Amino acid sequence: MADHLEDDEQVEALKRWWDENGKSTMAAVVLAVAGTVGWQQYQGWSSQQAELASDTWGAIEVALQSGDDRSTEDVRALAGALKDDFSRTVYARFAALQLAALAVEEGNLDAAESELRWALAKEDANSELGQLIQLRLARVLADKGDTATALEILNSGMGAYPAAYATAKGDIYVSEGRHAEALGAYRDARAVLLALGNPPGILDTKITSIESRLASSEESS
């Protein structure tokens, strides 16, 4: 289950971007849309709602950091409120991601898939957040045994997170015993990380393990 949480730094980067740029971006979207279909239809995108949604997300972060017995219940309640009351904001998608993570930790993959599909339905699939949602959805589907759909998602595009997508593909190939393909995917992921100046970390271990397994297979044959 830890694999589903390995891209938390990417979520944090998106949240920081939203804190710095989101409200001004939202205002621009509201004005642009208002000019074509009318202001009244988009009153829900007011700056007041944006601030309320931001405050609710802040409360979720506080609950996550508290670590007490009630924190999970508080996160669920606050995340549900964000989805119900501010479903058009990016904070609602963050809330769905958090609910999916909780569901994965509890082994409830059906609930995790539902949350991720909800978030994806409200996000541009080609955006950075959209690609992150698809990455997590692919991992959940793979854990449910639907590796064909998971690989289809991962093969559809990986512009924002090529290393993470390639690593996820490698993990799926390993689970299916497709070790040569897994090795290729892991090597692709490693090359991307090195090109970005990032350490490959656990990828080196995965690559070494697959190389040893393939070498042993060749010797035995």
Protein backbone atom coordinates (compact mmCIF):
# COMPACT_ATOMS: atom_id res chain seq x y z
CA MET A 1 0.00 0.00 0.00
CA ALA A 2 2.92 2.35 0.50
CA ASP A 3 3.29 2.70 -3.27
CA HIS A 4 0.09 4.75 -3.35
CA LEU A 5 1.62 7.33 -1.05
CA GLU A 6 5.01 7.70 -2.72
CA ASP A 7 3.86 10.68 -4.80
CA ASP A 8 2.78 12.80 -1.81
CA GLU A 9 5.52 15.32 -2.63
CA GLN A 10 3.83 15.91 -5.98
CA VAL A 11 0.55 16.67 -4.20
CA GLU A 12 2.37 19.05 -1.88
CA ALA A 13 3.87 20.86 -4.87
CA LEU A 14 0.42 21.27 -6.39
CA LYS A 15 -0.99 22.56 -3.13
CA ARG A 16 1.81 25.09 -2.80
CA TRP A 17 1.15 26.25 -6.36
CA TRP A 18 -2.54 26.68 -5.55
CA ASP A 19 -1.81 28.65 -2.39
CA GLU A 20 0.35 31.02 -4.44
CA ASN A 21 -1.66 31.23 -7.65
CA GLY A 22 -4.98 29.50 -7.28
CA LYS A 23 -7.21 32.33 -6.18
CA SER A 24 -6.04 34.68 -8.88
CA THR A 25 -6.40 31.89 -11.44
CA MET A 26 -9.91 31.18 -10.22
CA ALA A 27 -10.83 34.85 -10.53
CA ALA A 28 -9.58 34.92 -14.12
CA VAL A 29 -11.58 31.81 -14.97
CA VAL A 30 -14.71 33.28 -13.41
CA LEU A 31 -14.40 36.49 -15.40
CA ALA A 32 -13.66 34.67 -18.65
CA VAL A 33 -16.59 32.31 -18.26
CA ALA A 34 -18.88 35.08 -17.12
CA GLY A 35 -18.23 36.91 -20.35
CA THR A 36 -19.64 34.05 -22.42
CA VAL A 37 -22.40 32.38 -20.42
CA GLY A 38 -23.36 34.85 -17.76
CA TRP A 39 -22.17 35.75 -14.31
CA GLN A 40 -25.09 34.35 -12.36
CA GLN A 41 -24.40 30.77 -13.43
CA TYR A 42 -20.97 30.97 -11.84
CA GLN A 43 -21.63 32.79 -8.58
CA GLY A 44 -20.46 29.63 -6.78
CA TRP A 45 -16.95 30.50 -7.90
CA SER A 46 -16.84 33.63 -5.79
CA SER A 47 -13.73 34.58 -3.89
CA GLN A 48 -15.66 34.05 -0.65
CA GLN A 49 -16.26 30.39 -1.53
CA ALA A 50 -12.64 29.99 -2.50
CA GLU A 51 -11.57 31.24 0.92
CA LEU A 52 -14.05 29.00 2.72
CA ALA A 53 -12.78 26.00 0.76
CA SER A 54 -9.20 26.99 1.55
CA ASP A 55 -10.02 27.23 5.26
CA THR A 56 -11.64 23.79 5.20
CA TRP A 57 -8.60 22.28 3.51
CA GLY A 58 -6.41 23.95 6.14
CA ALA A 59 -8.48 22.23 8.83
CA ILE A 60 -7.90 18.90 7.08
CA GLU A 61 -4.15 19.48 7.14
CA VAL A 62 -4.29 20.27 10.84
CA ALA A 63 -6.26 17.06 11.48
CA LEU A 64 -3.76 15.02 9.46
CA GLN A 65 -0.86 16.41 11.47
CA SER A 66 -2.52 15.91 14.86
CA GLY A 67 -2.37 12.11 14.72
CA ASP A 68 -4.90 11.67 17.54
CA ASP A 69 -7.68 9.08 17.65
CA ARG A 70 -10.25 11.42 16.13
CA SER A 71 -8.09 12.75 13.32
CA THR A 72 -9.26 10.23 10.71
CA GLU A 73 -12.90 10.89 11.52
CA ASP A 74 -12.30 14.63 11.33
CA VAL A 75 -10.54 14.27 7.96
CA ARG A 76 -13.44 12.24 6.58
CA ALA A 77 -16.02 14.77 7.76
CA LEU A 78 -14.11 17.78 6.47
CA ALA A 79 -13.23 16.13 3.16
CA GLY A 80 -16.87 15.16 2.68
CA ALA A 81 -17.91 18.75 3.34
CA LEU A 82 -15.41 20.01 0.78
CA LYS A 83 -16.74 17.64 -1.86
CA ASP A 84 -20.37 18.47 -1.08
CA ASP A 85 -20.12 22.23 -0.65
CA PHE A 86 -17.18 23.21 -2.86
CA SER A 87 -17.12 20.51 -5.52
CA ARG A 88 -15.92 22.91 -8.22
CA THR A 89 -12.75 23.88 -6.39
CA VAL A 90 -9.41 22.13 -6.60
CA TYR A 91 -9.60 21.61 -2.85
CA ALA A 92 -12.45 19.16 -3.43
CA ARG A 93 -10.18 17.11 -5.69
CA PHE A 94 -7.48 17.20 -2.99
CA ALA A 95 -10.11 16.01 -0.50
CA ALA A 96 -11.05 13.09 -2.74
CA LEU A 97 -7.37 12.16 -3.06
CA GLN A 98 -7.06 12.16 0.71
CA LEU A 99 -10.18 10.02 1.12
CA ALA A 100 -8.79 7.61 -1.46
CA ALA A 101 -5.51 7.38 0.47
CA LEU A 102 -7.41 6.58 3.67
CA ALA A 103 -9.41 3.92 1.84
CA VAL A 104 -6.22 2.33 0.50
CA GLU A 105 -4.71 2.22 3.99
CA GLU A 106 -7.85 0.40 5.16
CA GLY A 107 -7.77 -2.01 2.22
CA ASN A 108 -11.02 -0.67 0.78
CA LEU A 109 -9.96 -0.46 -2.86
CA ASP A 110 -13.52 -0.06 -4.18
CA ALA A 111 -13.94 3.11 -2.12
CA ALA A 112 -10.52 4.35 -3.23
CA GLU A 113 -11.41 3.81 -6.88
CA SER A 114 -14.71 5.65 -6.41
CA GLU A 115 -13.00 8.68 -4.86
CA LEU A 116 -10.37 8.83 -7.58
CA ARG A 117 -12.91 8.54 -10.39
CA TRP A 118 -14.93 11.34 -8.76
CA ALA A 119 -11.87 13.55 -8.67
CA LEU A 120 -10.89 12.70 -12.24
CA ALA A 121 -14.38 13.53 -13.51
CA LYS A 122 -13.93 17.06 -12.18
CA GLU A 123 -10.35 17.61 -13.36
CA ASP A 124 -8.73 18.05 -16.76
CA ALA A 125 -7.17 14.65 -17.41
CA ASN A 126 -4.16 16.32 -19.06
CA SER A 127 -3.40 18.66 -16.16
CA GLU A 128 -0.71 17.82 -13.62
CA LEU A 129 -3.34 17.02 -11.00
CA GLY A 130 -5.33 15.00 -13.53
CA GLN A 131 -2.27 12.89 -14.32
CA LEU A 132 -1.56 12.39 -10.63
CA ILE A 133 -5.12 11.20 -10.07
CA GLN A 134 -4.76 8.77 -12.97
CA LEU A 135 -1.48 7.46 -11.56
CA ARG A 136 -3.12 6.64 -8.25
CA LEU A 137 -6.16 5.19 -10.00
CA ALA A 138 -3.92 2.90 -12.05
CA ARG A 139 -2.25 1.60 -8.89
CA VAL A 140 -5.60 0.96 -7.23
CA LEU A 141 -6.93 -0.86 -10.29
CA ALA A 142 -3.78 -2.96 -10.46
CA ASP A 143 -4.19 -3.94 -6.80
CA LYS A 144 -7.77 -4.94 -7.63
CA GLY A 145 -6.46 -7.21 -10.38
CA ASP A 146 -7.47 -5.05 -13.35
CA THR A 147 -3.94 -4.68 -14.66
CA ALA A 148 -5.09 -4.26 -18.27
CA THR A 149 -6.99 -1.05 -17.48
CA ALA A 150 -4.21 0.12 -15.19
CA LEU A 151 -1.63 -0.24 -17.96
CA GLU A 152 -3.97 1.43 -20.43
CA ILE A 153 -4.12 4.46 -18.14
CA LEU A 154 -0.37 4.52 -17.63
CA ASN A 155 0.29 4.20 -21.37
CA SER A 156 -2.11 7.01 -22.23
CA GLY A 157 0.24 9.77 -21.12
CA MET A 158 2.93 10.52 -18.57
CA GLY A 159 4.09 14.03 -19.38
CA ALA A 160 3.97 15.41 -15.85
CA TYR A 161 5.29 12.36 -13.99
CA PRO A 162 7.24 10.12 -16.40
CA ALA A 163 9.34 8.47 -13.69
CA ALA A 164 6.34 7.70 -11.47
CA TYR A 165 4.33 6.35 -14.41
CA ALA A 166 7.21 4.15 -15.58
CA THR A 167 7.77 2.86 -12.04
CA ALA A 168 4.09 2.00 -11.69
CA LYS A 169 4.22 0.12 -14.99
CA GLY A 170 7.27 -1.79 -13.78
CA ASP A 171 5.50 -2.77 -10.56
CA ILE A 172 2.52 -4.07 -12.53
CA TYR A 173 4.74 -6.04 -14.89
CA VAL A 174 6.47 -7.64 -11.89
CA SER A 175 3.11 -8.65 -10.42
CA GLU A 176 2.32 -10.39 -13.71
CA GLY A 177 5.70 -12.09 -13.98
CA ARG A 178 6.67 -9.99 -17.02
CA HIS A 179 10.17 -9.38 -15.75
CA ALA A 180 11.84 -8.24 -18.97
CA GLU A 181 9.18 -5.57 -19.45
CA ALA A 182 9.45 -4.59 -15.81
CA LEU A 183 13.19 -4.13 -16.16
CA GLY A 184 12.69 -1.89 -19.18
CA ALA A 185 10.15 0.23 -17.32
CA TYR A 186 12.36 0.57 -14.24
CA ARG A 187 15.33 1.55 -16.38
CA ASP A 188 13.20 4.18 -18.11
CA ALA A 189 12.18 5.60 -14.74
CA ARG A 190 15.76 5.60 -13.52
CA ALA A 191 16.96 7.43 -16.64
CA VAL A 192 14.35 10.14 -16.13
CA LEU A 193 15.33 10.67 -12.50
CA LEU A 194 19.03 10.85 -13.32
CA ALA A 195 18.35 13.32 -16.13
CA LEU A 196 16.55 15.52 -13.60
CA GLY A 197 19.43 15.22 -11.15
CA ASN A 198 17.41 13.12 -8.70
CA PRO A 199 18.72 9.96 -6.99
CA PRO A 200 17.06 6.75 -8.25
CA GLY A 201 16.60 5.47 -4.71
CA ILE A 202 14.71 2.19 -4.49
CA LEU A 203 14.71 1.86 -8.28
CA ASP A 204 18.30 0.65 -8.16
CA THR A 205 17.23 -2.14 -5.81
CA LYS A 206 14.33 -3.08 -8.06
CA ILE A 207 16.53 -3.10 -11.15
CA THR A 208 19.22 -5.21 -9.48
CA SER A 209 16.61 -7.68 -8.27
CA ILE A 210 15.08 -8.08 -11.73
CA GLU A 211 18.48 -8.37 -13.40
CA SER A 212 19.47 -11.13 -10.97
CA ARG A 213 16.20 -12.96 -11.55
CA LEU A 214 16.55 -12.79 -15.30
CA ALA A 215 20.18 -13.92 -15.13
CA SER A 216 19.23 -16.91 -12.97
CA SER A 217 16.45 -17.78 -15.38
CA GLU A 218 18.85 -17.74 -18.32
CA GLU A 219 21.36 -19.93 -16.47
CA SER A 220 18.75 -22.49 -15.53
CA SER A 221 17.50 -22.68 -19.09
